[in-house]
Amino acid sequence: MALNVRNEQALHSARIHPSPWMIVWVAIRSHKGALVGAGVFAFIILAVTIGPILYTVDPQVPDVSIRNLSPSLAHPFGTDNLGRDMLAQVLSGGRIAIAVGFTAMVLSLVVGTAVGVLAGYFKWLDGPLMRLTDLFLALPLLPLLLVIIMLFRDTLRAAFGPEMGIFFLIVFVIGITSWMQTARIVRGETLAVKEREFVLAATSVGTSGMRIVFRHILPNILSPVMVSATLGIANAIITESTLSFLGLGFPPDFPTWGRLLFDGANFISITPVRVLWPGLAISLTVLSINYIGDALRDAVDPRVRNE
């Protein structure tokens, strides 16, 4: 009981004097789901980064003599129809999923924050930028993603290689089609912050608009931006997995979680466990990130903050 009281007091203090990193720490510590989610997500990050170093089986080397094996000590996740180790493939696919998630999230945040701040602070840009945001929101995203990938896939493969070319393309199309919610959130926060006393004082002494944006607006809207960041990672991972499941992601011999699901679906009657591991990896990753995002959203929600 005393621990819960201290957590509530710490969270209340963080809400009154919101420091972004303090809100992250206190919000996760005070939210059981977020605490578990952070632990699971940290484990997944460690597994996909350090796992391939410790588990040195090559995920792309086939061995038909051990194909379609069930989980065992030699192959903890079993093998696929070509005899490739499933654990090695899941770990390798996790690196791609996390890399795509973080990189696409950064691109989405940069575009969304820029559009939101400019629309919220400069009144003459508000109308055009918000109509552009509405236009992107009205687009059917999955067909648009499929068309963009079909048009530019071969060009980028030839320029950067079959793997890096697809990586750049997928990150770009996910990032450029997922910034709209961030832009709307940032615009609303900017409209509120620019009416506060310190911004009005900076304006009255002749401080330039861009200087006010970088020194006063952006530092005070980091909390909702971090909430968008957590949800953006989950969205990017799901989108990449969807594209790979449809056969439009990375090359077939390059394991990703979505591709492993696609390949395993054809052999689900022989080795049903093949679809379990990549599906479980995607679900746990997205669920843990969403729990963290829920805790951060509760911490920065002004309705909760004022209670």
Protein backbone atom coordinates (compact mmCIF):
# COMPACT_ATOMS: atom_id res chain seq x y z
CA MET A 1 0.00 0.00 0.00
CA ALA A 2 2.79 2.43 0.92
CA LEU A 3 4.57 1.64 -2.36
CA ASN A 4 1.40 2.42 -4.34
CA VAL A 5 1.01 5.73 -2.49
CA ARG A 6 4.62 6.68 -3.29
CA ASN A 7 4.11 5.74 -6.93
CA GLU A 8 0.97 7.86 -7.12
CA GLN A 9 2.77 10.82 -5.52
CA ALA A 10 5.70 10.46 -7.91
CA LEU A 11 3.37 10.23 -10.89
CA HIS A 12 1.42 13.28 -9.70
CA SER A 13 4.68 15.22 -9.33
CA ALA A 14 5.76 14.21 -12.81
CA ARG A 15 2.44 15.36 -14.23
CA ILE A 16 2.68 18.78 -12.56
CA HIS A 17 6.30 19.27 -13.66
CA PRO A 18 6.47 17.10 -16.78
CA SER A 19 9.99 16.06 -17.68
CA PRO A 20 9.69 13.67 -20.65
CA TRP A 21 12.15 11.08 -19.40
CA MET A 22 10.79 11.29 -15.86
CA ILE A 23 7.29 10.70 -17.19
CA VAL A 24 8.54 7.64 -19.09
CA TRP A 25 10.18 6.17 -16.01
CA VAL A 26 7.41 6.94 -13.53
CA ALA A 27 4.65 5.92 -15.95
CA ILE A 28 6.22 2.52 -16.62
CA ARG A 29 7.03 1.95 -12.95
CA SER A 30 3.47 2.82 -11.89
CA HIS A 31 1.71 0.71 -14.52
CA LYS A 32 1.87 -3.06 -14.04
CA GLY A 33 1.10 -3.82 -17.67
CA ALA A 34 3.74 -1.37 -18.85
CA LEU A 35 6.27 -2.82 -16.43
CA VAL A 36 5.69 -6.31 -17.79
CA GLY A 37 5.63 -4.96 -21.34
CA ALA A 38 8.93 -3.16 -20.85
CA GLY A 39 10.48 -6.34 -19.51
CA VAL A 40 9.19 -8.42 -22.43
CA PHE A 41 10.28 -5.82 -24.98
CA ALA A 42 13.73 -5.55 -23.40
CA PHE A 43 14.04 -9.35 -23.53
CA ILE A 44 13.06 -9.37 -27.22
CA ILE A 45 15.59 -6.64 -28.01
CA LEU A 46 18.34 -8.56 -26.22
CA ALA A 47 17.30 -11.83 -27.89
CA VAL A 48 17.40 -10.50 -31.45
CA THR A 49 20.62 -8.53 -30.94
CA ILE A 50 22.68 -10.91 -28.81
CA GLY A 51 20.91 -14.17 -29.69
CA PRO A 52 22.46 -14.63 -33.16
CA ILE A 53 25.90 -14.10 -31.62
CA LEU A 54 25.36 -16.87 -29.06
CA TYR A 55 23.26 -19.15 -31.27
CA THR A 56 25.54 -19.38 -34.29
CA VAL A 57 23.40 -21.57 -36.56
CA ASP A 58 23.09 -20.00 -40.02
CA PRO A 59 19.38 -19.29 -40.68
CA GLN A 60 19.79 -19.53 -44.46
CA VAL A 61 21.69 -22.81 -44.79
CA PRO A 62 19.35 -25.70 -45.76
CA ASP A 63 19.75 -29.33 -44.73
CA VAL A 64 17.02 -31.51 -46.24
CA SER A 65 18.03 -34.45 -44.03
CA ILE A 66 16.51 -32.66 -41.00
CA ARG A 67 13.53 -30.95 -42.63
CA ASN A 68 10.17 -30.53 -40.85
CA LEU A 69 11.51 -31.50 -37.44
CA SER A 70 9.56 -30.77 -34.27
CA PRO A 71 11.24 -28.78 -31.47
CA SER A 72 14.17 -30.61 -29.90
CA LEU A 73 17.36 -29.89 -27.97
CA ALA A 74 19.32 -29.59 -31.21
CA HIS A 75 16.68 -27.33 -32.80
CA PRO A 76 14.58 -25.68 -30.05
CA PHE A 77 12.02 -24.26 -32.51
CA GLY A 78 12.22 -27.11 -35.01
CA THR A 79 13.14 -26.84 -38.70
CA ASP A 80 11.32 -25.83 -41.86
CA ASN A 81 10.67 -27.78 -45.05
CA LEU A 82 14.24 -27.14 -46.25
CA GLY A 83 15.87 -28.07 -42.96
CA ARG A 84 16.67 -24.53 -41.87
CA ASP A 85 16.69 -23.86 -38.14
CA MET A 86 13.55 -21.98 -37.06
CA LEU A 87 15.09 -20.40 -33.95
CA ALA A 88 17.89 -18.89 -36.03
CA GLN A 89 15.33 -17.59 -38.54
CA VAL A 90 13.11 -16.05 -35.85
CA LEU A 91 16.11 -14.30 -34.27
CA SER A 92 17.29 -13.02 -37.66
CA GLY A 93 13.78 -11.90 -38.60
CA GLY A 94 13.50 -10.07 -35.29
CA ARG A 95 16.48 -7.91 -36.16
CA ILE A 96 14.74 -6.82 -39.35
CA ALA A 97 11.42 -6.18 -37.61
CA ILE A 98 12.99 -4.06 -34.87
CA ALA A 99 15.21 -2.18 -37.32
CA VAL A 100 12.26 -1.41 -39.61
CA GLY A 101 10.09 -0.44 -36.63
CA PHE A 102 12.56 2.03 -35.13
CA THR A 103 13.71 3.54 -38.43
CA ALA A 104 10.21 3.99 -39.83
CA MET A 105 9.09 5.44 -36.48
CA VAL A 106 11.87 8.04 -36.59
CA LEU A 107 10.92 9.05 -40.13
CA SER A 108 7.24 9.22 -39.20
CA LEU A 109 7.97 11.31 -36.10
CA VAL A 110 10.19 13.75 -37.98
CA VAL A 111 7.57 14.34 -40.69
CA GLY A 112 4.60 14.38 -38.31
CA THR A 113 6.26 16.66 -35.77
CA ALA A 114 7.43 19.08 -38.45
CA VAL A 115 3.97 19.27 -40.03
CA GLY A 116 2.21 19.56 -36.65
CA VAL A 117 4.49 22.28 -35.27
CA LEU A 118 4.38 24.35 -38.46
CA ALA A 119 0.60 24.04 -38.72
CA GLY A 120 0.07 24.86 -35.05
CA TYR A 121 2.45 27.82 -34.77
CA PHE A 122 2.20 29.49 -38.18
CA LYS A 123 -1.45 30.23 -38.80
CA TRP A 124 -1.01 30.75 -42.54
CA LEU A 125 0.32 27.17 -42.87
CA ASP A 126 -2.42 25.58 -40.78
CA GLY A 127 -5.00 25.23 -43.54
CA PRO A 128 -2.75 23.80 -46.31
CA LEU A 129 -0.88 21.40 -44.01
CA MET A 130 -4.01 20.08 -42.33
CA ARG A 131 -5.70 19.56 -45.69
CA LEU A 132 -2.60 17.63 -46.78
CA THR A 133 -2.91 15.56 -43.61
CA ASP A 134 -6.58 14.89 -44.36
CA LEU A 135 -5.63 13.83 -47.89
CA PHE A 136 -3.14 11.26 -46.59
CA LEU A 137 -5.68 10.03 -44.03
CA ALA A 138 -8.21 9.48 -46.84
CA LEU A 139 -5.83 7.35 -48.91
CA PRO A 140 -6.26 3.54 -48.83
CA LEU A 141 -2.90 2.81 -47.26
CA LEU A 142 -2.44 -0.90 -47.98
CA PRO A 143 -3.16 -0.64 -51.73
CA LEU A 144 -0.96 2.47 -51.84
CA LEU A 145 1.88 0.59 -50.15
CA LEU A 146 1.53 -2.28 -52.58
CA VAL A 147 1.59 0.03 -55.60
CA ILE A 148 4.66 1.95 -54.37
CA ILE A 149 6.57 -1.25 -53.66
CA MET A 150 5.70 -2.74 -57.05
CA LEU A 151 6.80 0.44 -58.86
CA PHE A 152 10.11 1.08 -57.09
CA ARG A 153 11.21 -2.35 -55.83
CA ASP A 154 13.36 -3.32 -58.81
CA THR A 155 14.96 0.13 -59.09
CA LEU A 156 16.08 0.19 -55.46
CA ARG A 157 17.22 -3.42 -55.59
CA ALA A 158 19.49 -2.57 -58.50
CA ALA A 159 20.83 0.53 -56.74
CA PHE A 160 21.36 -0.77 -53.17
CA GLY A 161 21.14 -4.56 -53.41
CA PRO A 162 18.20 -6.93 -52.87
CA GLU A 163 18.15 -6.52 -49.09
CA MET A 164 19.12 -2.90 -48.41
CA GLY A 165 17.03 -1.67 -51.34
CA ILE A 166 13.89 -3.31 -49.94
CA PHE A 167 14.78 -2.10 -46.44
CA PHE A 168 14.99 1.54 -47.61
CA LEU A 169 11.77 1.19 -49.60
CA ILE A 170 9.75 -0.40 -46.79
CA VAL A 171 11.00 2.12 -44.21
CA PHE A 172 10.16 4.99 -46.54
CA VAL A 173 6.65 3.83 -47.45
CA ILE A 174 5.76 3.02 -43.83
CA GLY A 175 7.18 6.27 -42.49
CA ILE A 176 5.64 8.46 -45.16
CA THR A 177 2.16 6.95 -44.68
CA SER A 178 1.99 6.91 -40.87
CA TRP A 179 2.84 10.48 -39.77
CA MET A 180 -0.69 11.90 -39.86
CA GLN A 181 -1.81 11.03 -36.31
CA THR A 182 1.42 12.45 -34.92
CA ALA A 183 0.88 15.65 -36.89
CA ARG A 184 -2.60 16.12 -35.45
CA ILE A 185 -1.47 15.46 -31.88
CA VAL A 186 1.53 17.80 -32.21
CA ARG A 187 -0.60 20.53 -33.79
CA GLY A 188 -3.02 20.47 -30.85
CA GLU A 189 -0.18 20.60 -28.31
CA THR A 190 1.50 23.43 -30.22
CA LEU A 191 -1.71 25.49 -30.27
CA ALA A 192 -1.89 25.14 -26.49
CA VAL A 193 1.80 25.81 -25.77
CA LYS A 194 2.08 28.89 -27.97
CA GLU A 195 -0.53 30.67 -25.81
CA ARG A 196 1.47 30.18 -22.61
CA GLU A 197 3.20 33.09 -20.92
CA PHE A 198 6.80 32.23 -21.73
CA VAL A 199 6.03 31.96 -25.46
CA LEU A 200 4.11 35.25 -25.43
CA ALA A 201 7.02 36.87 -23.58
CA ALA A 202 9.51 35.56 -26.14
CA THR A 203 7.33 36.87 -28.94
CA SER A 204 7.00 40.31 -27.30
CA VAL A 205 10.79 40.81 -27.18
CA GLY A 206 11.13 40.05 -30.89
CA THR A 207 12.35 36.44 -30.82
CA SER A 208 12.06 34.86 -34.27
CA GLY A 209 9.39 32.27 -34.93
CA MET A 210 11.80 29.41 -35.69
CA ARG A 211 13.84 30.15 -32.55
CA ILE A 212 10.65 30.01 -30.46
CA VAL A 213 9.74 26.71 -32.11
CA PHE A 214 13.07 25.05 -31.34
CA ARG A 215 13.70 26.54 -27.89
CA HIS A 216 10.20 26.72 -26.42
CA ILE A 217 7.65 24.73 -28.43
CA LEU A 218 9.49 21.46 -29.15
CA PRO A 219 10.81 20.85 -25.61
CA ASN A 220 7.28 21.21 -24.24
CA ILE A 221 5.60 18.76 -26.63
CA LEU A 222 8.06 15.88 -26.28
CA SER A 223 5.76 13.87 -24.01
CA PRO A 224 2.95 13.27 -26.57
CA VAL A 225 5.60 12.76 -29.25
CA MET A 226 7.06 9.89 -27.21
CA VAL A 227 3.61 8.33 -26.93
CA SER A 228 3.32 8.49 -30.72
CA ALA A 229 6.79 6.96 -30.99
CA THR A 230 5.84 3.83 -29.06
CA LEU A 231 2.67 3.30 -31.08
CA GLY A 232 4.59 4.05 -34.29
CA ILE A 233 7.04 1.21 -33.66
CA ALA A 234 4.19 -1.28 -33.21
CA ASN A 235 2.42 -0.03 -36.33
CA ALA A 236 5.60 -0.28 -38.42
CA ILE A 237 6.29 -3.85 -37.27
CA ILE A 238 2.75 -4.93 -38.12
CA THR A 239 2.87 -3.21 -41.52
CA GLU A 240 6.22 -4.78 -42.43
CA SER A 241 4.95 -8.20 -41.36
CA THR A 242 1.83 -7.72 -43.46
CA LEU A 243 3.84 -6.79 -46.55
CA SER A 244 6.17 -9.75 -46.05
CA PHE A 245 3.21 -12.09 -45.52
CA LEU A 246 1.81 -10.89 -48.86
CA GLY A 247 5.14 -11.69 -50.53
CA LEU A 248 6.06 -8.05 -51.20
CA GLY A 249 8.67 -7.54 -48.50
CA PHE A 250 12.20 -8.82 -48.35
CA PRO A 251 13.54 -11.55 -50.68
CA PRO A 252 12.14 -15.06 -50.08
CA ASP A 253 15.48 -16.38 -48.81
CA PHE A 254 15.75 -13.54 -46.26
CA PRO A 255 13.76 -14.47 -43.11
CA THR A 256 11.40 -11.94 -41.59
CA TRP A 257 8.57 -12.67 -39.18
CA GLY A 258 5.93 -11.99 -41.82
CA ARG A 259 7.74 -14.12 -44.40
CA LEU A 260 8.10 -16.98 -41.91
CA LEU A 261 4.33 -16.85 -41.35
CA PHE A 262 3.74 -16.90 -45.12
CA ASP A 263 6.07 -19.87 -45.66
CA GLY A 264 4.77 -21.77 -42.63
CA ALA A 265 1.12 -21.39 -43.66
CA ASN A 266 1.67 -23.85 -46.53
CA PHE A 267 2.99 -26.50 -44.13
CA ILE A 268 0.71 -25.88 -41.16
CA SER A 269 -0.76 -29.38 -41.43
CA ILE A 270 2.72 -30.96 -41.29
CA THR A 271 4.50 -28.73 -38.75
CA PRO A 272 1.95 -26.34 -37.19
CA VAL A 273 4.59 -25.08 -34.78
CA ARG A 274 6.25 -23.21 -37.68
CA VAL A 275 3.59 -20.48 -37.62
CA LEU A 276 3.53 -20.37 -33.82
CA TRP A 277 6.98 -18.88 -33.26
CA PRO A 278 6.90 -15.90 -35.67
CA GLY A 279 3.27 -15.20 -34.79
CA LEU A 280 4.10 -15.27 -31.09
CA ALA A 281 7.10 -12.99 -31.65
CA ILE A 282 4.98 -10.42 -33.51
CA SER A 283 2.18 -10.57 -30.93
CA LEU A 284 4.45 -10.24 -27.89
CA THR A 285 6.43 -7.38 -29.43
CA VAL A 286 3.38 -5.36 -30.46
CA LEU A 287 1.51 -6.09 -27.23
CA SER A 288 4.43 -5.06 -25.02
CA ILE A 289 4.91 -1.82 -26.96
CA ASN A 290 1.19 -1.05 -26.74
CA TYR A 291 1.23 -1.52 -22.96
CA ILE A 292 4.13 0.93 -22.71
CA GLY A 293 2.26 3.35 -24.94
CA ASP A 294 -0.90 3.07 -22.82
CA ALA A 295 1.06 3.96 -19.68
CA LEU A 296 2.69 6.96 -21.36
CA ARG A 297 -0.64 8.12 -22.74
CA ASP A 298 -2.20 7.98 -19.26
CA ALA A 299 0.77 9.91 -17.83
CA VAL A 300 0.52 12.79 -20.33
CA ASP A 301 -3.29 12.88 -20.64
CA PRO A 302 -4.29 16.35 -19.35
CA ARG A 303 -7.61 15.00 -18.04
CA VAL A 304 -5.75 12.50 -15.86
CA ARG A 305 -3.01 15.01 -15.04
CA ASN A 306 -5.47 17.44 -13.49
CA GLU A 307 -7.13 14.88 -11.23
